[in-house]
Amino acid sequence: MRADRVIIEPVLTEKTNGMRGGDYNKYTFKVDPRSNKMQIMQAVKELFKVKPLKCNIVTVKAKPRSSRTKSGMRAGNTAPWKKAIVTLSKGETIEAIEGV
């Protein structure tokens, strides 16, 4: 699988922004559900030119959602997705995400 298809987008929230700074040096990505840890680490290395130390994977379950329409309430779910938390070696950053 190509590296640009493994990593879909970075996850930028308050929690993930806190994990990037300090001693953590962890970056979070939304990844292809068929990818494994080795493919994700290789894609990060290839796309961002950094050396990842380890990768943790979480499958985010679907959450119930509802919306109001003219015809009444409609219930549904969000789509499940796969999240990867990649730890980089000390002193390395991904400048595309940091905005430098």
N, C-alpha and C. Protein backbone atom coordinates (compact mmCIF):
# COMPACT_ATOMS: atom_id res chain seq x y z
N MET A 1 0.85 -1.18 0.00
CA MET A 1 0.00 0.00 0.00
C MET A 1 0.90 1.24 0.00
N ARG A 2 0.54 2.24 -0.78
CA ARG A 2 1.33 3.46 -0.88
C ARG A 2 1.24 4.27 0.41
N ALA A 3 2.30 5.01 0.70
CA ALA A 3 2.38 5.76 1.96
C ALA A 3 1.32 6.85 2.03
N ASP A 4 1.01 7.49 0.90
CA ASP A 4 0.01 8.55 0.94
C ASP A 4 -1.41 8.01 1.07
N ARG A 5 -1.59 6.72 0.91
CA ARG A 5 -2.91 6.12 1.11
C ARG A 5 -3.05 5.52 2.51
N VAL A 6 -1.93 5.26 3.17
CA VAL A 6 -1.97 4.71 4.53
C VAL A 6 -2.41 5.79 5.51
N ILE A 7 -1.77 6.95 5.45
CA ILE A 7 -2.10 8.06 6.35
C ILE A 7 -3.11 8.95 5.65
N ILE A 8 -4.28 9.10 6.26
CA ILE A 8 -5.36 9.89 5.65
C ILE A 8 -5.24 11.35 6.05
N GLU A 9 -5.17 11.62 7.36
CA GLU A 9 -5.06 13.00 7.85
C GLU A 9 -4.59 12.99 9.30
N PRO A 10 -3.98 14.10 9.76
CA PRO A 10 -3.64 14.18 11.18
C PRO A 10 -4.89 14.50 12.00
N VAL A 11 -4.89 14.04 13.23
CA VAL A 11 -5.98 14.35 14.15
C VAL A 11 -5.51 15.50 15.03
N LEU A 12 -6.14 16.67 14.90
CA LEU A 12 -5.73 17.86 15.63
C LEU A 12 -6.81 18.27 16.62
N THR A 13 -6.62 17.87 17.86
CA THR A 13 -7.52 18.23 18.95
C THR A 13 -6.68 18.78 20.10
N GLU A 14 -7.32 19.26 21.15
CA GLU A 14 -6.59 19.76 22.31
C GLU A 14 -5.73 18.66 22.93
N LYS A 15 -6.27 17.48 23.02
CA LYS A 15 -5.54 16.37 23.63
C LYS A 15 -4.32 15.99 22.78
N THR A 16 -4.49 15.88 21.47
CA THR A 16 -3.36 15.50 20.62
C THR A 16 -2.32 16.62 20.54
N ASN A 17 -2.76 17.88 20.62
CA ASN A 17 -1.80 18.99 20.65
C ASN A 17 -0.95 18.94 21.91
N GLY A 18 -1.54 18.54 23.03
CA GLY A 18 -0.78 18.39 24.27
C GLY A 18 0.19 17.23 24.20
N MET A 19 -0.16 16.18 23.47
CA MET A 19 0.72 15.02 23.34
C MET A 19 1.92 15.32 22.45
N ARG A 20 1.81 16.29 21.56
CA ARG A 20 2.93 16.64 20.69
C ARG A 20 4.02 17.36 21.44
N GLY A 21 3.66 18.16 22.41
CA GLY A 21 4.64 18.96 23.14
C GLY A 21 5.20 18.22 24.34
N GLY A 22 6.17 18.85 24.98
CA GLY A 22 6.76 18.28 26.19
C GLY A 22 7.59 17.05 25.92
N ASP A 23 7.54 16.11 26.84
CA ASP A 23 8.34 14.89 26.74
C ASP A 23 7.65 13.80 25.93
N TYR A 24 6.37 13.98 25.57
CA TYR A 24 5.63 12.92 24.89
C TYR A 24 6.10 12.70 23.47
N ASN A 25 6.09 13.75 22.66
CA ASN A 25 6.51 13.69 21.26
C ASN A 25 5.72 12.65 20.47
N LYS A 26 4.38 12.68 20.63
CA LYS A 26 3.49 11.73 19.96
C LYS A 26 2.59 12.47 18.99
N TYR A 27 2.41 11.90 17.80
CA TYR A 27 1.55 12.47 16.77
C TYR A 27 0.44 11.47 16.46
N THR A 28 -0.76 12.00 16.22
CA THR A 28 -1.93 11.16 15.99
C THR A 28 -2.43 11.35 14.56
N PHE A 29 -2.74 10.22 13.91
CA PHE A 29 -3.19 10.24 12.51
C PHE A 29 -4.42 9.38 12.34
N LYS A 30 -5.29 9.79 11.41
CA LYS A 30 -6.37 8.92 10.95
C LYS A 30 -5.77 8.10 9.82
N VAL A 31 -5.87 6.77 9.92
CA VAL A 31 -5.19 5.90 8.96
C VAL A 31 -6.19 4.96 8.28
N ASP A 32 -5.73 4.32 7.22
CA ASP A 32 -6.54 3.36 6.49
C ASP A 32 -6.85 2.17 7.40
N PRO A 33 -8.09 1.70 7.45
CA PRO A 33 -8.45 0.61 8.35
C PRO A 33 -7.74 -0.71 8.05
N ARG A 34 -7.22 -0.88 6.83
CA ARG A 34 -6.54 -2.13 6.47
C ARG A 34 -5.05 -2.11 6.79
N SER A 35 -4.51 -0.97 7.22
CA SER A 35 -3.07 -0.86 7.45
C SER A 35 -2.69 -1.42 8.82
N ASN A 36 -1.42 -1.85 8.93
CA ASN A 36 -0.91 -2.36 10.20
C ASN A 36 0.17 -1.41 10.72
N LYS A 37 0.76 -1.76 11.88
CA LYS A 37 1.71 -0.87 12.53
C LYS A 37 2.96 -0.64 11.68
N MET A 38 3.46 -1.67 11.06
CA MET A 38 4.68 -1.53 10.25
C MET A 38 4.44 -0.63 9.03
N GLN A 39 3.29 -0.77 8.40
CA GLN A 39 2.97 0.08 7.25
C GLN A 39 2.83 1.54 7.68
N ILE A 40 2.24 1.77 8.84
CA ILE A 40 2.05 3.14 9.33
C ILE A 40 3.40 3.77 9.66
N MET A 41 4.26 3.03 10.34
CA MET A 41 5.58 3.56 10.68
C MET A 41 6.42 3.85 9.42
N GLN A 42 6.33 2.98 8.44
CA GLN A 42 7.05 3.19 7.19
C GLN A 42 6.51 4.41 6.45
N ALA A 43 5.19 4.61 6.47
CA ALA A 43 4.58 5.76 5.80
C ALA A 43 4.99 7.07 6.47
N VAL A 44 5.03 7.09 7.80
CA VAL A 44 5.45 8.30 8.52
C VAL A 44 6.91 8.60 8.20
N LYS A 45 7.73 7.58 8.16
CA LYS A 45 9.15 7.76 7.84
C LYS A 45 9.33 8.30 6.43
N GLU A 46 8.56 7.78 5.48
CA GLU A 46 8.67 8.18 4.08
C GLU A 46 8.10 9.56 3.81
N LEU A 47 6.94 9.87 4.39
CA LEU A 47 6.27 11.14 4.09
C LEU A 47 6.89 12.32 4.82
N PHE A 48 7.26 12.14 6.08
CA PHE A 48 7.68 13.27 6.91
C PHE A 48 9.18 13.29 7.20
N LYS A 49 9.93 12.29 6.74
CA LYS A 49 11.39 12.23 6.92
C LYS A 49 11.80 12.29 8.39
N VAL A 50 11.11 11.52 9.23
CA VAL A 50 11.44 11.41 10.66
C VAL A 50 11.56 9.93 11.00
N LYS A 51 12.08 9.64 12.20
CA LYS A 51 12.25 8.26 12.62
C LYS A 51 11.26 7.92 13.73
N PRO A 52 10.20 7.17 13.41
CA PRO A 52 9.25 6.77 14.46
C PRO A 52 9.81 5.64 15.31
N LEU A 53 9.58 5.73 16.62
CA LEU A 53 10.04 4.68 17.53
C LEU A 53 9.00 3.58 17.70
N LYS A 54 7.74 3.98 17.91
CA LYS A 54 6.69 2.99 18.06
C LYS A 54 5.36 3.55 17.59
N CYS A 55 4.39 2.65 17.47
CA CYS A 55 3.07 3.02 16.96
C CYS A 55 2.01 2.25 17.74
N ASN A 56 1.03 2.96 18.24
CA ASN A 56 -0.13 2.34 18.89
C ASN A 56 -1.35 2.59 18.02
N ILE A 57 -2.21 1.58 17.92
CA ILE A 57 -3.38 1.67 17.05
C ILE A 57 -4.66 1.51 17.88
N VAL A 58 -5.65 2.36 17.57
CA VAL A 58 -6.95 2.31 18.23
C VAL A 58 -8.02 2.31 17.16
N THR A 59 -8.99 1.41 17.25
CA THR A 59 -10.14 1.45 16.37
C THR A 59 -11.25 2.20 17.09
N VAL A 60 -11.62 3.36 16.54
CA VAL A 60 -12.64 4.21 17.15
C VAL A 60 -14.00 3.70 16.70
N LYS A 61 -14.84 3.35 17.67
CA LYS A 61 -16.15 2.81 17.35
C LYS A 61 -17.11 3.89 16.86
N ALA A 62 -18.15 3.47 16.16
CA ALA A 62 -19.18 4.38 15.67
C ALA A 62 -19.98 4.92 16.84
N LYS A 63 -20.37 6.19 16.76
CA LYS A 63 -21.16 6.82 17.80
C LYS A 63 -22.55 7.12 17.26
N PRO A 64 -23.58 7.00 18.09
CA PRO A 64 -24.93 7.31 17.62
C PRO A 64 -25.11 8.82 17.42
N ARG A 65 -25.77 9.18 16.35
CA ARG A 65 -26.07 10.57 16.03
C ARG A 65 -27.53 10.67 15.61
N SER A 66 -28.12 11.83 15.88
CA SER A 66 -29.48 12.06 15.41
C SER A 66 -29.59 13.49 14.90
N SER A 67 -30.51 13.71 13.99
CA SER A 67 -30.72 15.05 13.45
C SER A 67 -32.21 15.28 13.25
N ARG A 68 -32.58 16.54 13.32
CA ARG A 68 -33.98 16.91 13.12
C ARG A 68 -34.19 17.32 11.67
N THR A 69 -35.25 16.81 11.08
CA THR A 69 -35.61 17.18 9.71
C THR A 69 -37.08 17.59 9.71
N LYS A 70 -37.57 17.99 8.56
CA LYS A 70 -38.98 18.36 8.46
C LYS A 70 -39.89 17.18 8.75
N SER A 71 -39.43 15.98 8.39
CA SER A 71 -40.27 14.81 8.58
C SER A 71 -40.07 14.15 9.95
N GLY A 72 -39.28 14.75 10.81
CA GLY A 72 -39.10 14.19 12.15
C GLY A 72 -37.63 13.90 12.45
N MET A 73 -37.40 13.13 13.51
CA MET A 73 -36.05 12.80 13.92
C MET A 73 -35.50 11.66 13.06
N ARG A 74 -34.25 11.78 12.70
CA ARG A 74 -33.56 10.71 11.97
C ARG A 74 -32.39 10.25 12.82
N ALA A 75 -32.30 8.96 13.02
CA ALA A 75 -31.22 8.39 13.82
C ALA A 75 -30.22 7.70 12.91
N GLY A 76 -28.97 7.72 13.31
CA GLY A 76 -27.93 7.06 12.54
C GLY A 76 -26.66 6.95 13.36
N ASN A 77 -25.59 6.59 12.72
CA ASN A 77 -24.30 6.44 13.38
C ASN A 77 -23.22 7.12 12.57
N THR A 78 -22.14 7.54 13.26
CA THR A 78 -20.96 7.99 12.56
C THR A 78 -20.20 6.75 12.07
N ALA A 79 -19.27 6.93 11.18
CA ALA A 79 -18.51 5.80 10.65
C ALA A 79 -17.38 5.43 11.61
N PRO A 80 -17.10 4.13 11.79
CA PRO A 80 -15.93 3.76 12.59
C PRO A 80 -14.65 4.06 11.81
N TRP A 81 -13.56 4.36 12.53
CA TRP A 81 -12.30 4.69 11.88
C TRP A 81 -11.13 4.22 12.72
N LYS A 82 -9.96 4.22 12.12
CA LYS A 82 -8.76 3.71 12.77
C LYS A 82 -7.81 4.87 13.05
N LYS A 83 -7.29 4.91 14.29
CA LYS A 83 -6.41 5.98 14.72
C LYS A 83 -5.06 5.40 15.10
N ALA A 84 -3.97 6.06 14.68
CA ALA A 84 -2.63 5.62 15.01
C ALA A 84 -1.92 6.73 15.79
N ILE A 85 -1.31 6.36 16.91
CA ILE A 85 -0.52 7.29 17.72
C ILE A 85 0.94 6.89 17.54
N VAL A 86 1.71 7.76 16.87
CA VAL A 86 3.09 7.46 16.52
C VAL A 86 4.02 8.26 17.43
N THR A 87 4.95 7.57 18.08
CA THR A 87 5.95 8.20 18.93
C THR A 87 7.23 8.40 18.14
N LEU A 88 7.73 9.63 18.13
CA LEU A 88 8.97 9.95 17.43
C LEU A 88 10.13 9.98 18.41
N SER A 89 11.35 9.87 17.87
CA SER A 89 12.52 9.96 18.73
C SER A 89 12.66 11.39 19.25
N LYS A 90 13.37 11.52 20.34
CA LYS A 90 13.48 12.81 21.03
C LYS A 90 14.13 13.86 20.13
N GLY A 91 13.56 15.05 20.11
CA GLY A 91 14.10 16.14 19.33
C GLY A 91 13.55 16.25 17.92
N GLU A 92 12.82 15.26 17.42
CA GLU A 92 12.27 15.30 16.08
C GLU A 92 10.84 15.83 16.11
N THR A 93 10.47 16.60 15.09
CA THR A 93 9.11 17.10 14.95
C THR A 93 8.68 16.95 13.49
N ILE A 94 7.38 16.94 13.29
CA ILE A 94 6.82 16.94 11.94
C ILE A 94 6.41 18.39 11.65
N GLU A 95 7.18 19.05 10.81
CA GLU A 95 6.97 20.48 10.57
C GLU A 95 5.70 20.78 9.79
N ALA A 96 5.21 19.82 9.02
CA ALA A 96 3.97 20.02 8.27
C ALA A 96 2.78 20.17 9.22
N ILE A 97 2.84 19.53 10.37
CA ILE A 97 1.76 19.60 11.34
C ILE A 97 1.97 20.76 12.31
N GLU A 98 3.22 20.99 12.68
CA GLU A 98 3.54 22.07 13.63
C GLU A 98 3.28 23.45 13.05
N GLY A 99 3.33 23.58 11.72
CA GLY A 99 3.08 24.87 11.09
C GLY A 99 4.31 25.76 11.06
N VAL A 100 5.48 25.18 11.15
CA VAL A 100 6.73 25.95 11.14
C VAL A 100 7.17 26.21 9.73
